[in-house]
C-alpha cells in the first residue's frame, strides 16, 4: 500500500513565505507609520538618549517649535553640517564622494551625511555604525524627506541632537551654555553650538578651546553666505 506524501514540507514552505511577507510588511509599513506620527508629534526619546542615561550622563531636553529657535542657529547648522540642505533630497552624493576620498588619505575622518540622514539616524536608529543601520538610515531618510519636508526635518534635528553630556536640543543647549533661550541666540553663540556638533562630549560651546574658536569663526562667515544666498529658504518658505 502506497503512503500519501506528507503535507509537512508544504506547510513549512507556506509558513516561511508568510513569515517573510510579515517581515517585509513590518519593514515597510512600520517605518511609514512611525514617520507619519512624528510629522506632528515630537519624538519622545532616542536610542542615544537611553544609552547616555545608562551611562549616568543625565537628561535635559526642552522641545520648542522651530519658530522659537533663532534663524542664526539654523544658518550656522546649515553652514557647518549641510550647506546643500535646501537643494538635495536627502543625500548629497558629491559630499559623500569627497568624504570617501578624504578618509582614504587622512586619519581625521570626515562624514558625508546630510542633516536629513543625521535626523533619520538620531530619531529612529541605534547610534553604532553597521551596514543594516546604514540601509535603514537610507530608507528613513527617503521617508522623512517625503512625509515631513525640510522645515520639520530641521525642527526635529535641532530639538534632538546631542549638545553636551545629557544635553539634547537647541533650547537645553542654549540655556545650559549661554543662559538664554534658543530664540535669542546671537550669531557667535549659534556658531559655537554648531561647531561642537561633531563631538559634543569632548568640545564645549561655553568654554571653547582654540579649535572650536577657529571653527566657530569660520561658521559665522559661512552662515553669512547662507543668509546672503538664501540657502535656508526651504526652512522658511
Protein backbone atom coordinates (compact mmCIF):
# COMPACT_ATOMS: atom_id res chain seq x y z
CA UNK A 1 0.00 0.00 0.00
CA UNK A 2 1.44 3.37 -1.02
CA UNK A 3 1.56 6.14 1.52
CA UNK A 4 0.26 9.63 0.88
CA UNK A 5 3.02 12.24 0.73
CA UNK A 6 3.43 14.24 3.94
CA UNK A 7 1.90 17.72 3.99
CA UNK A 8 4.59 18.99 6.31
CA UNK A 9 7.02 20.27 3.64
CA UNK A 10 4.24 22.30 2.00
CA UNK A 11 3.06 23.60 5.37
CA UNK A 12 6.61 24.60 6.30
CA UNK A 13 7.06 26.40 2.98
CA UNK A 14 3.85 28.37 3.46
CA UNK A 15 4.92 29.27 6.99
CA UNK A 16 8.27 30.57 5.74
CA UNK A 17 6.60 32.61 2.99
CA UNK A 18 4.10 34.11 5.44
CA UNK A 19 6.87 34.96 7.89
CA UNK A 20 8.91 36.64 5.17
CA UNK A 21 5.85 38.54 3.96
CA UNK A 22 5.06 39.66 7.50
CA UNK A 23 8.65 40.81 7.97
CA UNK A 24 8.50 42.75 4.71
CA UNK A 25 5.25 44.42 5.74
CA UNK A 26 6.76 45.39 9.09
CA UNK A 27 9.86 46.84 7.42
CA UNK A 28 7.75 48.90 5.02
CA UNK A 29 4.59 49.81 6.91
CA UNK A 30 6.19 50.20 10.36
CA UNK A 31 8.63 52.97 9.36
CA UNK A 32 5.98 54.76 7.30
CA UNK A 33 3.60 54.77 10.27
CA UNK A 34 6.29 55.99 12.67
CA UNK A 35 7.38 58.79 10.34
CA UNK A 36 3.76 59.83 9.78
CA UNK A 37 3.14 60.07 13.54
CA UNK A 38 6.32 62.08 14.15
CA UNK A 39 5.29 64.52 11.44
CA UNK A 40 3.04 66.03 14.11
CA UNK A 41 4.16 64.52 17.45
CA UNK A 42 7.58 65.34 18.96
CA UNK A 43 9.71 62.17 19.08
CA UNK A 44 9.87 61.41 22.81
CA UNK A 45 13.32 59.82 23.15
CA UNK A 46 16.10 58.34 21.04
CA UNK A 47 18.36 55.30 21.33
CA UNK A 48 21.32 57.57 22.08
CA UNK A 49 19.46 59.30 24.91
CA UNK A 50 18.71 55.93 26.51
CA UNK A 51 22.32 54.83 26.12
CA UNK A 52 23.63 58.04 27.66
CA UNK A 53 21.15 57.76 30.54
CA UNK A 54 22.51 54.29 31.38
CA UNK A 55 25.98 55.85 31.35
CA UNK A 56 24.77 58.25 34.04
CA UNK A 57 25.02 61.42 31.97
CA UNK A 58 21.59 62.79 32.89
CA UNK A 59 18.83 64.08 30.65
CA UNK A 60 17.90 67.64 29.73
CA UNK A 61 15.71 68.20 26.68
CA UNK A 62 13.18 71.00 26.17
CA UNK A 63 11.24 70.77 22.93
CA UNK A 64 10.44 74.09 21.26
CA UNK A 65 8.88 74.77 17.84
CA UNK A 66 11.08 75.95 15.01
CA UNK A 67 9.57 79.43 15.35
CA UNK A 68 11.24 79.68 18.78
CA UNK A 69 14.70 78.75 17.54
CA UNK A 70 16.87 81.58 16.26
CA UNK A 71 17.44 81.66 12.49
CA UNK A 72 21.06 82.31 13.46
CA UNK A 73 21.31 78.72 14.68
CA UNK A 74 19.57 77.34 11.60
CA UNK A 75 22.03 79.15 9.34
CA UNK A 76 25.02 78.13 11.45
CA UNK A 77 23.99 74.48 11.36
CA UNK A 78 23.41 74.55 7.60
CA UNK A 79 26.80 76.24 7.15
CA UNK A 80 28.52 73.71 9.37
CA UNK A 81 26.77 70.44 8.63
CA UNK A 82 25.00 70.58 5.26
CA UNK A 83 25.29 73.62 3.01
CA UNK A 84 23.17 71.90 0.36
CA UNK A 85 20.30 71.12 2.73
CA UNK A 86 17.77 73.05 0.70
CA UNK A 87 18.92 71.65 -2.63
CA UNK A 88 19.18 67.89 -2.13
CA UNK A 89 16.50 65.29 -1.49
CA UNK A 90 18.18 63.67 1.48
CA UNK A 91 21.53 62.64 0.01
CA UNK A 92 24.46 64.79 -1.09
CA UNK A 93 26.40 62.43 -3.33
CA UNK A 94 29.14 64.97 -4.04
CA UNK A 95 29.77 65.37 -0.31
CA UNK A 96 29.79 61.59 0.16
CA UNK A 97 32.39 61.22 -2.60
CA UNK A 98 34.56 63.95 -1.06
CA UNK A 99 34.31 62.31 2.37
CA UNK A 100 35.36 58.93 0.97
CA UNK A 101 38.35 60.48 -0.79
CA UNK A 102 39.35 62.44 2.32
CA UNK A 103 39.05 59.43 4.63
CA UNK A 104 41.21 57.36 2.31
CA UNK A 105 44.19 59.70 2.76
CA UNK A 106 43.63 61.19 6.23
CA UNK A 107 43.44 59.85 9.78
CA UNK A 108 40.85 62.50 10.69
CA UNK A 109 37.58 61.05 9.44
CA UNK A 110 35.05 63.27 7.69
CA UNK A 111 31.37 62.44 7.42
CA UNK A 112 29.29 62.91 4.30
CA UNK A 113 25.87 62.58 5.93
CA UNK A 114 23.28 65.27 5.34
CA UNK A 115 21.12 66.79 8.07
CA UNK A 116 18.29 64.58 6.78
CA UNK A 117 20.41 61.44 7.18
CA UNK A 118 21.56 62.52 10.64
CA UNK A 119 17.95 63.13 11.67
CA UNK A 120 16.83 59.73 10.38
CA UNK A 121 19.63 58.04 12.30
CA UNK A 122 19.16 60.03 15.52
CA UNK A 123 15.40 59.57 15.76
CA UNK A 124 14.79 56.05 14.54
CA UNK A 125 18.01 54.04 14.78
CA UNK A 126 20.79 52.93 17.08
CA UNK A 127 23.97 55.06 17.20
CA UNK A 128 26.60 52.46 16.29
CA UNK A 129 27.64 52.12 12.65
CA UNK A 130 26.92 48.93 10.76
CA UNK A 131 25.55 48.00 7.35
CA UNK A 132 21.97 47.18 8.47
CA UNK A 133 21.74 50.59 10.12
CA UNK A 134 23.04 52.35 7.01
CA UNK A 135 20.41 50.61 4.89
CA UNK A 136 17.60 51.55 7.27
CA UNK A 137 19.00 55.07 7.52
CA UNK A 138 18.62 55.48 3.76
CA UNK A 139 15.02 54.22 3.91
CA UNK A 140 14.07 56.55 6.76
CA UNK A 141 15.81 59.45 5.02
CA UNK A 142 13.62 58.97 1.95
CA UNK A 143 10.54 58.80 4.18
CA UNK A 144 11.19 61.95 6.20
CA UNK A 145 12.09 63.92 3.08
CA UNK A 146 8.78 62.80 1.53
CA UNK A 147 6.46 63.00 4.54
CA UNK A 148 7.99 65.69 6.75
CA UNK A 149 9.59 68.21 4.43
CA UNK A 150 12.55 70.46 5.19
CA UNK A 151 11.12 72.68 7.97
CA UNK A 152 10.03 69.68 10.04
CA UNK A 153 13.34 67.89 9.47
CA UNK A 154 15.21 70.93 10.74
CA UNK A 155 12.85 71.31 13.70
CA UNK A 156 13.27 67.68 14.78
CA UNK A 157 17.02 67.79 14.19
CA UNK A 158 17.56 70.90 16.32
CA UNK A 159 15.40 69.51 19.11
CA UNK A 160 17.07 66.12 19.26
CA UNK A 161 20.81 66.21 18.66
CA UNK A 162 23.30 65.88 21.49
CA UNK A 163 24.94 69.13 22.59
CA UNK A 164 26.82 68.00 25.67
CA UNK A 165 26.65 65.35 28.42
CA UNK A 166 22.92 64.79 28.93
CA UNK A 167 22.02 67.93 26.92
CA UNK A 168 19.72 67.48 23.91
CA UNK A 169 18.17 70.04 21.62
CA UNK A 170 18.69 73.73 20.99
CA UNK A 171 16.72 75.06 23.95
CA UNK A 172 18.52 72.94 26.54
CA UNK A 173 21.89 73.74 24.91
CA UNK A 174 21.23 77.50 24.83
CA UNK A 175 20.13 77.52 28.47
CA UNK A 176 22.98 75.27 29.58
CA UNK A 177 25.82 77.04 27.75
CA UNK A 178 24.68 80.66 27.45
CA UNK A 179 21.82 81.06 29.95
CA UNK A 180 19.48 82.26 27.25
CA UNK A 181 16.71 80.82 25.11
CA UNK A 182 17.23 79.23 21.70
CA UNK A 183 15.22 82.11 20.25
CA UNK A 184 17.72 84.70 21.49
CA UNK A 185 20.99 83.11 20.39
CA UNK A 186 23.48 85.58 18.93
CA UNK A 187 25.46 84.68 15.76
CA UNK A 188 28.64 83.84 17.70
CA UNK A 189 26.74 81.68 20.19
CA UNK A 190 24.92 79.86 17.40
CA UNK A 191 28.22 79.25 15.62
CA UNK A 192 29.79 77.78 18.74
CA UNK A 193 26.89 75.38 19.16
CA UNK A 194 27.16 74.36 15.52
CA UNK A 195 30.91 73.93 15.87
CA UNK A 196 30.68 71.28 18.59
CA UNK A 197 28.07 69.06 16.89
CA UNK A 198 30.67 66.56 15.60
CA UNK A 199 31.98 65.83 19.13
CA UNK A 200 29.70 67.32 21.80
CA UNK A 201 31.15 65.24 24.64
CA UNK A 202 34.69 66.49 24.07
CA UNK A 203 34.13 70.09 22.93
CA UNK A 204 32.43 72.93 24.81
CA UNK A 205 30.48 75.84 23.35
CA UNK A 206 30.58 77.95 26.52
CA UNK A 207 34.31 77.48 27.11
CA UNK A 208 35.73 76.72 23.67
CA UNK A 209 39.29 75.67 23.05
CA UNK A 210 41.41 77.04 20.19
CA UNK A 211 40.00 74.62 17.61
CA UNK A 212 36.35 75.36 18.42
CA UNK A 213 37.06 79.12 18.42
CA UNK A 214 38.61 78.91 14.97
CA UNK A 215 35.87 76.65 13.68
CA UNK A 216 33.10 78.87 15.05
CA UNK A 217 34.68 81.92 13.41
CA UNK A 218 34.60 80.11 10.07
CA UNK A 219 30.98 79.12 10.66
CA UNK A 220 29.98 82.74 11.37
CA UNK A 221 31.37 83.73 7.97
CA UNK A 222 29.72 80.81 6.19
CA UNK A 223 26.40 81.48 7.93
CA UNK A 224 26.53 84.95 6.38
CA UNK A 225 26.78 83.30 2.98
CA UNK A 226 23.82 81.06 3.85
CA UNK A 227 21.75 84.15 4.57
CA UNK A 228 23.01 86.12 1.56
CA UNK A 229 22.39 83.31 -0.91
CA UNK A 230 19.07 82.15 0.64
CA UNK A 231 20.49 78.69 1.39
CA UNK A 232 17.98 78.46 4.24
CA UNK A 233 14.95 79.32 2.06
CA UNK A 234 13.45 75.83 2.32
CA UNK A 235 13.28 76.15 6.11
CA UNK A 236 11.35 79.42 5.96
CA UNK A 237 9.05 79.02 2.93
